[in-house]
Amino acid sequence: MTRNLKAKPPNDNQSLQLLSDARNVDLLRLLLDDPRASVSELARHIGMSAPAVRERLTRLEEAGVIRGYRLDLDSKALGWPITAFVRIRPMPGQLPKIIELARALPQVAECHRITGEDCFILRIHLDALESLDQVLDRFLAHGQTTTSIVQSSPVPLRGPPLPNEV
């Protein structure tokens, strides 16, 4: 589940200005650790009033730095123990069909347009290895696929580095 904010392109100048403030970066770091933290909790941690923190969060949201607040679900606990990455090389004229199909299939967690020989990479969840063919067959009508099954995830999904973390 995602609470997405109004989609708008990030304002790079405004973002850079906001990220030059150490307290804004501290707020982001706290939210990365606990996206459910209350405004009053955040305020306590960084030594500011709750209204001041709320105002900072609003500015970070409006600048496109904060795009939403997400729930992190365990796919295995939900009955989807297998994760795979599928690269797709569409046949001529089939790009829109691949996008349409990726959006329509609930097993597709992500779809990215990429450079290289393939045009797309998808992250999919499967309830069983036998289900892979059913998903792939839907895409094979529109292009070639190459699949990699995830064995483990030593570095789980995380956000981009914050300023001064690199």
N, C-alpha and C. Protein backbone atom coordinates (compact mmCIF):
# COMPACT_ATOMS: atom_id res chain seq x y z
N MET A 1 0.85 -1.17 0.00
CA MET A 1 0.00 0.00 0.00
C MET A 1 0.89 1.23 0.00
N THR A 2 0.54 2.19 -0.78
CA THR A 2 1.33 3.40 -0.91
C THR A 2 0.44 4.61 -0.77
N ARG A 3 0.88 5.56 0.04
CA ARG A 3 0.21 6.85 0.03
C ARG A 3 1.08 7.74 -0.82
N ASN A 4 0.73 7.83 -2.10
CA ASN A 4 1.49 8.67 -3.00
C ASN A 4 0.99 10.10 -2.89
N LEU A 5 1.90 11.01 -2.96
CA LEU A 5 1.55 12.41 -2.97
C LEU A 5 1.25 12.81 -4.39
N LYS A 6 0.71 13.99 -4.60
CA LYS A 6 0.39 14.44 -5.95
C LYS A 6 1.64 14.35 -6.81
N ALA A 7 1.53 13.58 -7.89
CA ALA A 7 2.68 13.36 -8.76
C ALA A 7 3.03 14.64 -9.50
N LYS A 8 4.26 15.09 -9.29
CA LYS A 8 4.76 16.23 -10.04
C LYS A 8 6.27 16.07 -10.14
N PRO A 9 6.87 16.60 -11.19
CA PRO A 9 8.31 16.44 -11.33
C PRO A 9 9.04 17.17 -10.21
N PRO A 10 10.14 16.58 -9.73
CA PRO A 10 10.88 17.24 -8.67
C PRO A 10 11.45 18.57 -9.14
N ASN A 11 11.45 19.54 -8.27
CA ASN A 11 12.05 20.84 -8.54
C ASN A 11 13.50 20.76 -8.05
N ASP A 12 14.44 20.55 -8.99
CA ASP A 12 15.83 20.29 -8.62
C ASP A 12 16.45 21.41 -7.81
N ASN A 13 16.20 22.67 -8.19
CA ASN A 13 16.78 23.78 -7.44
C ASN A 13 16.24 23.81 -6.03
N GLN A 14 14.93 23.65 -5.90
CA GLN A 14 14.31 23.66 -4.58
C GLN A 14 14.79 22.46 -3.76
N SER A 15 14.91 21.30 -4.40
CA SER A 15 15.37 20.09 -3.72
C SER A 15 16.77 20.29 -3.17
N LEU A 16 17.66 20.81 -4.00
CA LEU A 16 19.04 21.03 -3.55
C LEU A 16 19.10 22.00 -2.39
N GLN A 17 18.30 23.04 -2.46
CA GLN A 17 18.27 24.02 -1.38
C GLN A 17 17.76 23.37 -0.09
N LEU A 18 16.69 22.59 -0.19
CA LEU A 18 16.14 21.92 1.00
C LEU A 18 17.13 20.91 1.58
N LEU A 19 17.85 20.21 0.71
CA LEU A 19 18.78 19.18 1.17
C LEU A 19 20.09 19.76 1.69
N SER A 20 20.30 21.06 1.49
CA SER A 20 21.49 21.69 2.07
C SER A 20 21.28 21.99 3.55
N ASP A 21 20.05 21.84 4.03
CA ASP A 21 19.72 22.06 5.44
C ASP A 21 19.85 20.72 6.18
N ALA A 22 20.76 20.65 7.13
CA ALA A 22 21.04 19.41 7.86
C ALA A 22 19.80 18.86 8.57
N ARG A 23 18.94 19.74 9.05
CA ARG A 23 17.74 19.25 9.75
C ARG A 23 16.78 18.55 8.79
N ASN A 24 16.69 19.02 7.57
CA ASN A 24 15.86 18.33 6.58
C ASN A 24 16.41 16.94 6.29
N VAL A 25 17.73 16.85 6.17
CA VAL A 25 18.37 15.55 5.92
C VAL A 25 18.14 14.64 7.13
N ASP A 26 18.24 15.19 8.34
CA ASP A 26 17.96 14.41 9.55
C ASP A 26 16.53 13.88 9.54
N LEU A 27 15.59 14.72 9.12
CA LEU A 27 14.18 14.28 9.03
C LEU A 27 14.05 13.10 8.07
N LEU A 28 14.69 13.21 6.92
CA LEU A 28 14.62 12.13 5.94
C LEU A 28 15.23 10.85 6.50
N ARG A 29 16.35 10.97 7.18
CA ARG A 29 17.01 9.80 7.77
C ARG A 29 16.08 9.13 8.80
N LEU A 30 15.43 9.94 9.63
CA LEU A 30 14.50 9.40 10.63
C LEU A 30 13.32 8.70 9.95
N LEU A 31 12.81 9.29 8.88
CA LEU A 31 11.68 8.69 8.17
C LEU A 31 12.09 7.41 7.44
N LEU A 32 13.33 7.34 6.96
CA LEU A 32 13.80 6.10 6.34
C LEU A 32 13.83 4.98 7.37
N ASP A 33 14.23 5.31 8.60
CA ASP A 33 14.27 4.31 9.67
C ASP A 33 12.87 3.93 10.13
N ASP A 34 11.95 4.90 10.17
CA ASP A 34 10.59 4.65 10.65
C ASP A 34 9.60 5.56 9.93
N PRO A 35 9.07 5.12 8.77
CA PRO A 35 8.12 5.95 8.02
C PRO A 35 6.83 6.24 8.79
N ARG A 36 6.57 5.50 9.86
CA ARG A 36 5.35 5.71 10.64
C ARG A 36 5.55 6.68 11.80
N ALA A 37 6.74 7.22 11.93
CA ALA A 37 7.01 8.16 13.03
C ALA A 37 6.06 9.35 12.94
N SER A 38 5.54 9.74 14.09
CA SER A 38 4.63 10.89 14.12
C SER A 38 5.43 12.19 14.01
N VAL A 39 4.76 13.24 13.62
CA VAL A 39 5.41 14.54 13.52
C VAL A 39 5.97 14.96 14.87
N SER A 40 5.23 14.70 15.95
CA SER A 40 5.73 15.08 17.28
C SER A 40 6.96 14.27 17.66
N GLU A 41 6.99 12.99 17.27
CA GLU A 41 8.17 12.16 17.51
C GLU A 41 9.38 12.70 16.75
N LEU A 42 9.18 13.01 15.48
CA LEU A 42 10.26 13.57 14.66
C LEU A 42 10.75 14.88 15.26
N ALA A 43 9.82 15.71 15.69
CA ALA A 43 10.18 17.01 16.28
C ALA A 43 11.05 16.82 17.51
N ARG A 44 10.68 15.85 18.34
CA ARG A 44 11.46 15.57 19.55
C ARG A 44 12.89 15.17 19.21
N HIS A 45 13.03 14.34 18.18
CA HIS A 45 14.36 13.84 17.80
C HIS A 45 15.28 14.94 17.27
N ILE A 46 14.73 15.90 16.57
CA ILE A 46 15.61 16.93 15.98
C ILE A 46 15.54 18.26 16.70
N GLY A 47 14.80 18.31 17.80
CA GLY A 47 14.78 19.51 18.63
C GLY A 47 14.05 20.69 18.02
N MET A 48 12.91 20.43 17.39
CA MET A 48 12.10 21.49 16.81
C MET A 48 10.65 21.30 17.24
N SER A 49 9.84 22.31 17.01
CA SER A 49 8.42 22.20 17.31
C SER A 49 7.74 21.34 16.24
N ALA A 50 6.63 20.71 16.61
CA ALA A 50 5.88 19.90 15.66
C ALA A 50 5.40 20.71 14.45
N PRO A 51 4.88 21.94 14.64
CA PRO A 51 4.46 22.72 13.46
C PRO A 51 5.63 23.03 12.51
N ALA A 52 6.81 23.27 13.07
CA ALA A 52 7.98 23.55 12.22
C ALA A 52 8.37 22.31 11.42
N VAL A 53 8.29 21.15 12.06
CA VAL A 53 8.61 19.89 11.37
C VAL A 53 7.56 19.61 10.28
N ARG A 54 6.28 19.81 10.60
CA ARG A 54 5.22 19.61 9.61
C ARG A 54 5.45 20.51 8.40
N GLU A 55 5.85 21.76 8.64
CA GLU A 55 6.12 22.69 7.54
C GLU A 55 7.29 22.20 6.68
N ARG A 56 8.33 21.71 7.33
CA ARG A 56 9.48 21.18 6.58
C ARG A 56 9.08 19.96 5.75
N LEU A 57 8.30 19.07 6.34
CA LEU A 57 7.84 17.89 5.60
C LEU A 57 7.00 18.30 4.40
N THR A 58 6.13 19.27 4.59
CA THR A 58 5.30 19.76 3.48
C THR A 58 6.17 20.32 2.37
N ARG A 59 7.20 21.08 2.71
CA ARG A 59 8.10 21.63 1.68
C ARG A 59 8.85 20.50 0.96
N LEU A 60 9.29 19.49 1.71
CA LEU A 60 9.98 18.36 1.08
C LEU A 60 9.03 17.58 0.16
N GLU A 61 7.78 17.46 0.55
CA GLU A 61 6.78 16.80 -0.29
C GLU A 61 6.50 17.62 -1.54
N GLU A 62 6.29 18.92 -1.37
CA GLU A 62 5.98 19.79 -2.51
C GLU A 62 7.13 19.89 -3.50
N ALA A 63 8.36 19.76 -3.01
CA ALA A 63 9.53 19.81 -3.89
C ALA A 63 9.75 18.48 -4.60
N GLY A 64 9.00 17.44 -4.22
CA GLY A 64 9.16 16.14 -4.85
C GLY A 64 10.25 15.29 -4.23
N VAL A 65 10.85 15.74 -3.13
CA VAL A 65 11.87 14.94 -2.45
C VAL A 65 11.20 13.73 -1.80
N ILE A 66 10.11 13.97 -1.08
CA ILE A 66 9.31 12.88 -0.51
C ILE A 66 8.15 12.64 -1.47
N ARG A 67 8.12 11.44 -2.07
CA ARG A 67 7.07 11.12 -3.04
C ARG A 67 5.91 10.37 -2.42
N GLY A 68 6.11 9.77 -1.27
CA GLY A 68 5.04 9.01 -0.65
C GLY A 68 5.53 8.27 0.57
N TYR A 69 4.62 7.58 1.20
CA TYR A 69 4.91 6.79 2.40
C TYR A 69 4.40 5.39 2.12
N ARG A 70 5.29 4.40 2.21
CA ARG A 70 4.97 3.06 1.74
C ARG A 70 4.94 2.01 2.84
N LEU A 71 4.10 1.02 2.62
CA LEU A 71 4.02 -0.14 3.48
C LEU A 71 4.90 -1.22 2.86
N ASP A 72 5.78 -1.82 3.63
CA ASP A 72 6.70 -2.84 3.14
C ASP A 72 6.15 -4.21 3.53
N LEU A 73 5.61 -4.93 2.57
CA LEU A 73 5.02 -6.23 2.82
C LEU A 73 6.00 -7.35 2.49
N ASP A 74 5.93 -8.44 3.21
CA ASP A 74 6.76 -9.61 2.96
C ASP A 74 6.05 -10.51 1.96
N SER A 75 6.60 -10.61 0.76
CA SER A 75 5.94 -11.39 -0.30
C SER A 75 5.81 -12.87 0.09
N LYS A 76 6.80 -13.41 0.79
CA LYS A 76 6.72 -14.82 1.20
C LYS A 76 5.55 -15.03 2.17
N ALA A 77 5.40 -14.11 3.12
CA ALA A 77 4.31 -14.22 4.09
C ALA A 77 2.94 -14.13 3.42
N LEU A 78 2.89 -13.48 2.27
CA LEU A 78 1.63 -13.33 1.53
C LEU A 78 1.39 -14.46 0.53
N GLY A 79 2.30 -15.46 0.53
CA GLY A 79 2.11 -16.60 -0.37
C GLY A 79 2.80 -16.47 -1.71
N TRP A 80 3.76 -15.55 -1.82
CA TRP A 80 4.52 -15.35 -3.06
C TRP A 80 6.00 -15.56 -2.75
N PRO A 81 6.44 -16.82 -2.54
CA PRO A 81 7.80 -17.07 -2.07
C PRO A 81 8.91 -16.90 -3.11
N ILE A 82 8.54 -16.80 -4.38
CA ILE A 82 9.56 -16.73 -5.44
C ILE A 82 9.53 -15.35 -6.09
N THR A 83 10.72 -14.76 -6.19
CA THR A 83 10.88 -13.49 -6.90
C THR A 83 11.78 -13.74 -8.09
N ALA A 84 11.45 -13.15 -9.20
CA ALA A 84 12.26 -13.30 -10.42
C ALA A 84 12.38 -11.95 -11.11
N PHE A 85 13.46 -11.81 -11.85
CA PHE A 85 13.65 -10.65 -12.72
C PHE A 85 13.53 -11.15 -14.15
N VAL A 86 12.71 -10.47 -14.92
CA VAL A 86 12.47 -10.85 -16.31
C VAL A 86 12.89 -9.68 -17.20
N ARG A 87 13.83 -9.96 -18.10
CA ARG A 87 14.23 -8.95 -19.09
C ARG A 87 13.45 -9.25 -20.37
N ILE A 88 12.98 -8.20 -21.01
CA ILE A 88 12.16 -8.38 -22.21
C ILE A 88 12.72 -7.56 -23.36
N ARG A 89 12.84 -8.23 -24.50
CA ARG A 89 13.23 -7.58 -25.75
C ARG A 89 12.02 -7.63 -26.68
N PRO A 90 11.25 -6.53 -26.75
CA PRO A 90 10.01 -6.55 -27.53
C PRO A 90 10.26 -6.68 -29.02
N MET A 91 9.29 -7.26 -29.71
CA MET A 91 9.30 -7.26 -31.17
C MET A 91 8.94 -5.85 -31.62
N PRO A 92 9.27 -5.49 -32.87
CA PRO A 92 8.95 -4.14 -33.35
C PRO A 92 7.48 -3.78 -33.13
N GLY A 93 7.25 -2.59 -32.61
CA GLY A 93 5.91 -2.08 -32.40
C GLY A 93 5.20 -2.61 -31.16
N GLN A 94 5.89 -3.41 -30.34
CA GLN A 94 5.24 -4.05 -29.20
C GLN A 94 5.52 -3.37 -27.85
N LEU A 95 6.31 -2.29 -27.84
CA LEU A 95 6.62 -1.62 -26.57
C LEU A 95 5.36 -1.26 -25.78
N PRO A 96 4.37 -0.61 -26.40
CA PRO A 96 3.18 -0.25 -25.63
C PRO A 96 2.44 -1.46 -25.06
N LYS A 97 2.45 -2.57 -25.79
CA LYS A 97 1.77 -3.79 -25.32
C LYS A 97 2.47 -4.36 -24.08
N ILE A 98 3.80 -4.30 -24.08
CA ILE A 98 4.56 -4.79 -22.92
C ILE A 98 4.20 -3.96 -21.69
N ILE A 99 4.18 -2.65 -21.84
CA ILE A 99 3.84 -1.76 -20.72
C ILE A 99 2.42 -2.03 -20.23
N GLU A 100 1.50 -2.15 -21.17
CA GLU A 100 0.09 -2.41 -20.82
C GLU A 100 -0.05 -3.73 -20.06
N LEU A 101 0.63 -4.76 -20.54
CA LEU A 101 0.57 -6.07 -19.90
C LEU A 101 1.22 -6.04 -18.52
N ALA A 102 2.36 -5.38 -18.40
CA ALA A 102 3.04 -5.29 -17.10
C ALA A 102 2.15 -4.61 -16.07
N ARG A 103 1.47 -3.56 -16.49
CA ARG A 103 0.55 -2.85 -15.57
C ARG A 103 -0.63 -3.73 -15.17
N ALA A 104 -1.07 -4.59 -16.07
CA ALA A 104 -2.27 -5.40 -15.83
C ALA A 104 -2.02 -6.63 -14.96
N LEU A 105 -0.80 -7.15 -14.96
CA LEU A 105 -0.52 -8.39 -14.22
C LEU A 105 -0.17 -8.09 -12.76
N PRO A 106 -0.92 -8.61 -11.81
CA PRO A 106 -0.64 -8.33 -10.40
C PRO A 106 0.69 -8.92 -9.92
N GLN A 107 1.22 -9.92 -10.63
CA GLN A 107 2.51 -10.50 -10.24
C GLN A 107 3.68 -9.55 -10.50
N VAL A 108 3.48 -8.56 -11.36
CA VAL A 108 4.56 -7.62 -11.71
C VAL A 108 4.63 -6.55 -10.63
N ALA A 109 5.73 -6.55 -9.87
CA ALA A 109 5.93 -5.57 -8.80
C ALA A 109 6.55 -4.29 -9.34
N GLU A 110 7.40 -4.42 -10.36
CA GLU A 110 8.08 -3.27 -10.95
C GLU A 110 8.30 -3.53 -12.43
N CYS A 111 8.33 -2.46 -13.20
CA CYS A 111 8.68 -2.54 -14.61
C CYS A 111 9.51 -1.30 -14.94
N HIS A 112 10.71 -1.51 -15.46
CA HIS A 112 11.60 -0.40 -15.79
C HIS A 112 12.01 -0.49 -17.25
N ARG A 113 12.03 0.64 -17.93
CA ARG A 113 12.56 0.73 -19.29
C ARG A 113 14.06 0.91 -19.14
N ILE A 114 14.85 0.09 -19.83
CA ILE A 114 16.30 0.08 -19.63
C ILE A 114 17.04 0.22 -20.95
N THR A 115 18.34 0.48 -20.84
CA THR A 115 19.20 0.53 -22.02
C THR A 115 19.80 -0.85 -22.25
N GLY A 116 20.42 -1.03 -23.41
CA GLY A 116 21.04 -2.31 -23.72
C GLY A 116 20.20 -3.09 -24.71
N GLU A 117 20.50 -4.37 -24.84
CA GLU A 117 19.80 -5.21 -25.81
C GLU A 117 18.33 -5.40 -25.45
N ASP A 118 18.04 -5.49 -24.16
CA ASP A 118 16.66 -5.62 -23.71
C ASP A 118 16.10 -4.23 -23.46
N CYS A 119 14.79 -4.10 -23.53
CA CYS A 119 14.15 -2.80 -23.33
C CYS A 119 13.51 -2.65 -21.96
N PHE A 120 13.16 -3.78 -21.33
CA PHE A 120 12.47 -3.73 -20.04
C PHE A 120 13.08 -4.73 -19.07
N ILE A 121 13.00 -4.41 -17.79
CA ILE A 121 13.28 -5.38 -16.74
C ILE A 121 12.13 -5.30 -15.75
N LEU A 122 11.61 -6.47 -15.42
CA LEU A 122 10.47 -6.58 -14.51
C LEU A 122 10.89 -7.37 -13.28
N ARG A 123 10.36 -6.99 -12.14
CA ARG A 123 10.48 -7.81 -10.93
C ARG A 123 9.10 -8.41 -10.72
N ILE A 124 9.06 -9.74 -10.66
CA ILE A 124 7.76 -10.41 -10.50
C ILE A 124 7.78 -11.30 -9.27
N HIS A 125 6.58 -11.53 -8.72
CA HIS A 125 6.40 -12.44 -7.59
C HIS A 125 5.59 -13.64 -8.08
N LEU A 126 6.00 -14.83 -7.63
CA LEU A 126 5.33 -16.06 -8.04
C LEU A 126 4.95 -16.88 -6.82
N ASP A 127 3.80 -17.57 -6.91
CA ASP A 127 3.40 -18.44 -5.81
C ASP A 127 4.10 -19.79 -5.89
N ALA A 128 4.55 -20.17 -7.09
CA ALA A 128 5.28 -21.42 -7.30
C ALA A 128 6.08 -21.29 -8.59
N LEU A 129 7.14 -22.05 -8.69
CA LEU A 129 7.97 -22.01 -9.90
C LEU A 129 7.16 -22.39 -11.13
N GLU A 130 6.18 -23.25 -10.95
CA GLU A 130 5.34 -23.68 -12.07
C GLU A 130 4.52 -22.52 -12.64
N SER A 131 4.32 -21.48 -11.89
CA SER A 131 3.55 -20.31 -12.36
C SER A 131 4.36 -19.42 -13.31
N LEU A 132 5.67 -19.63 -13.34
CA LEU A 132 6.52 -18.78 -14.17
C LEU A 132 6.12 -18.85 -15.64
N ASP A 133 5.88 -20.05 -16.15
CA ASP A 133 5.51 -20.20 -17.56
C ASP A 133 4.25 -19.42 -17.91
N GLN A 134 3.27 -19.42 -17.01
CA GLN A 134 2.02 -18.70 -17.27
C GLN A 134 2.27 -17.20 -17.44
N VAL A 135 3.15 -16.66 -16.61
CA VAL A 135 3.46 -15.23 -16.70
C VAL A 135 4.28 -14.96 -17.97
N LEU A 136 5.32 -15.77 -18.19
CA LEU A 136 6.18 -15.55 -19.35
C LEU A 136 5.41 -15.70 -20.66
N ASP A 137 4.50 -16.66 -20.73
CA ASP A 137 3.73 -16.88 -21.96
C ASP A 137 2.96 -15.63 -22.37
N ARG A 138 2.52 -14.85 -21.39
CA ARG A 138 1.79 -13.61 -21.71
C ARG A 138 2.70 -12.62 -22.43
N PHE A 139 3.99 -12.60 -22.06
CA PHE A 139 4.93 -11.65 -22.67
C PHE A 139 5.53 -12.19 -23.97
N LEU A 140 5.63 -13.51 -24.09
CA LEU A 140 6.26 -14.10 -25.28
C LEU A 140 5.51 -13.78 -26.57
N ALA A 141 4.26 -13.44 -26.48
CA ALA A 141 3.50 -13.04 -27.66
C ALA A 141 3.98 -11.69 -28.20
N HIS A 142 4.76 -10.98 -27.38
CA HIS A 142 5.19 -9.62 -27.75
C HIS A 142 6.71 -9.45 -27.81
N GLY A 143 7.48 -10.49 -27.45
CA GLY A 143 8.93 -10.36 -27.50
C GLY A 143 9.62 -11.53 -26.82
N GLN A 144 10.95 -11.42 -26.75
CA GLN A 144 11.77 -12.46 -26.11
C GLN A 144 11.97 -12.12 -24.64
N THR A 145 12.07 -13.16 -23.81
CA THR A 145 12.30 -12.95 -22.38
C THR A 145 13.54 -13.70 -21.92
N THR A 146 14.17 -13.17 -20.90
CA THR A 146 15.26 -13.82 -20.20
C THR A 146 14.95 -13.68 -18.72
N THR A 147 15.00 -14.78 -17.99
CA THR A 147 14.56 -14.77 -16.59
C THR A 147 15.69 -15.17 -15.65
N SER A 148 15.76 -14.50 -14.51
CA SER A 148 16.66 -14.85 -13.42
C SER A 148 15.83 -14.98 -12.15
N ILE A 149 15.99 -16.12 -11.47
CA ILE A 149 15.28 -16.36 -10.21
C ILE A 149 16.15 -15.84 -9.06
N VAL A 150 15.56 -15.12 -8.14
CA VAL A 150 16.30 -14.59 -6.98
C VAL A 150 16.53 -15.73 -5.99
N GLN A 151 17.80 -15.96 -5.63
CA GLN A 151 18.14 -16.96 -4.62
C GLN A 151 18.13 -16.35 -3.22
N SER A 152 18.70 -15.14 -3.11
CA SER A 152 18.72 -14.42 -1.84
C SER A 152 18.88 -12.94 -2.15
N SER A 153 18.65 -12.12 -1.14
CA SER A 153 18.78 -10.67 -1.31
C SER A 153 19.68 -10.11 -0.22
N PRO A 154 21.01 -10.19 -0.41
CA PRO A 154 21.93 -9.71 0.63
C PRO A 154 21.82 -8.21 0.88
N VAL A 155 21.37 -7.45 -0.12
CA VAL A 155 21.10 -6.01 0.06
C VAL A 155 19.65 -5.79 -0.35
N PRO A 156 18.74 -5.73 0.62
CA PRO A 156 17.33 -5.52 0.26
C PRO A 156 17.10 -4.11 -0.27
N LEU A 157 15.92 -3.90 -0.84
CA LEU A 157 15.55 -2.61 -1.39
C LEU A 157 15.76 -1.50 -0.36
N ARG A 158 16.41 -0.44 -0.79
CA ARG A 158 16.61 0.72 0.07
C ARG A 158 16.56 1.96 -0.79
N GLY A 159 16.39 3.09 -0.15
CA GLY A 159 16.33 4.35 -0.87
C GLY A 159 17.70 4.81 -1.33
N PRO A 160 17.73 5.88 -2.12
CA PRO A 160 19.02 6.42 -2.56
C PRO A 160 19.77 7.02 -1.38
N PRO A 161 21.09 7.16 -1.49
CA PRO A 161 21.85 7.75 -0.39
C PRO A 161 21.45 9.21 -0.16
N LEU A 162 21.42 9.59 1.09
CA LEU A 162 21.14 10.98 1.45
C LEU A 162 22.43 11.79 1.31
N PRO A 163 22.32 13.13 1.24
CA PRO A 163 23.53 13.95 1.14
C PRO A 163 24.52 13.60 2.26
N ASN A 164 25.78 13.61 1.91
CA ASN A 164 26.91 13.33 2.81
C ASN A 164 26.99 11.87 3.24
N GLU A 165 26.30 10.97 2.57
CA GLU A 165 26.41 9.54 2.89
C GLU A 165 27.34 8.81 1.92
N VAL A 166 27.78 9.48 0.88
CA VAL A 166 28.64 8.83 -0.11
C VAL A 166 30.06 9.30 0.08
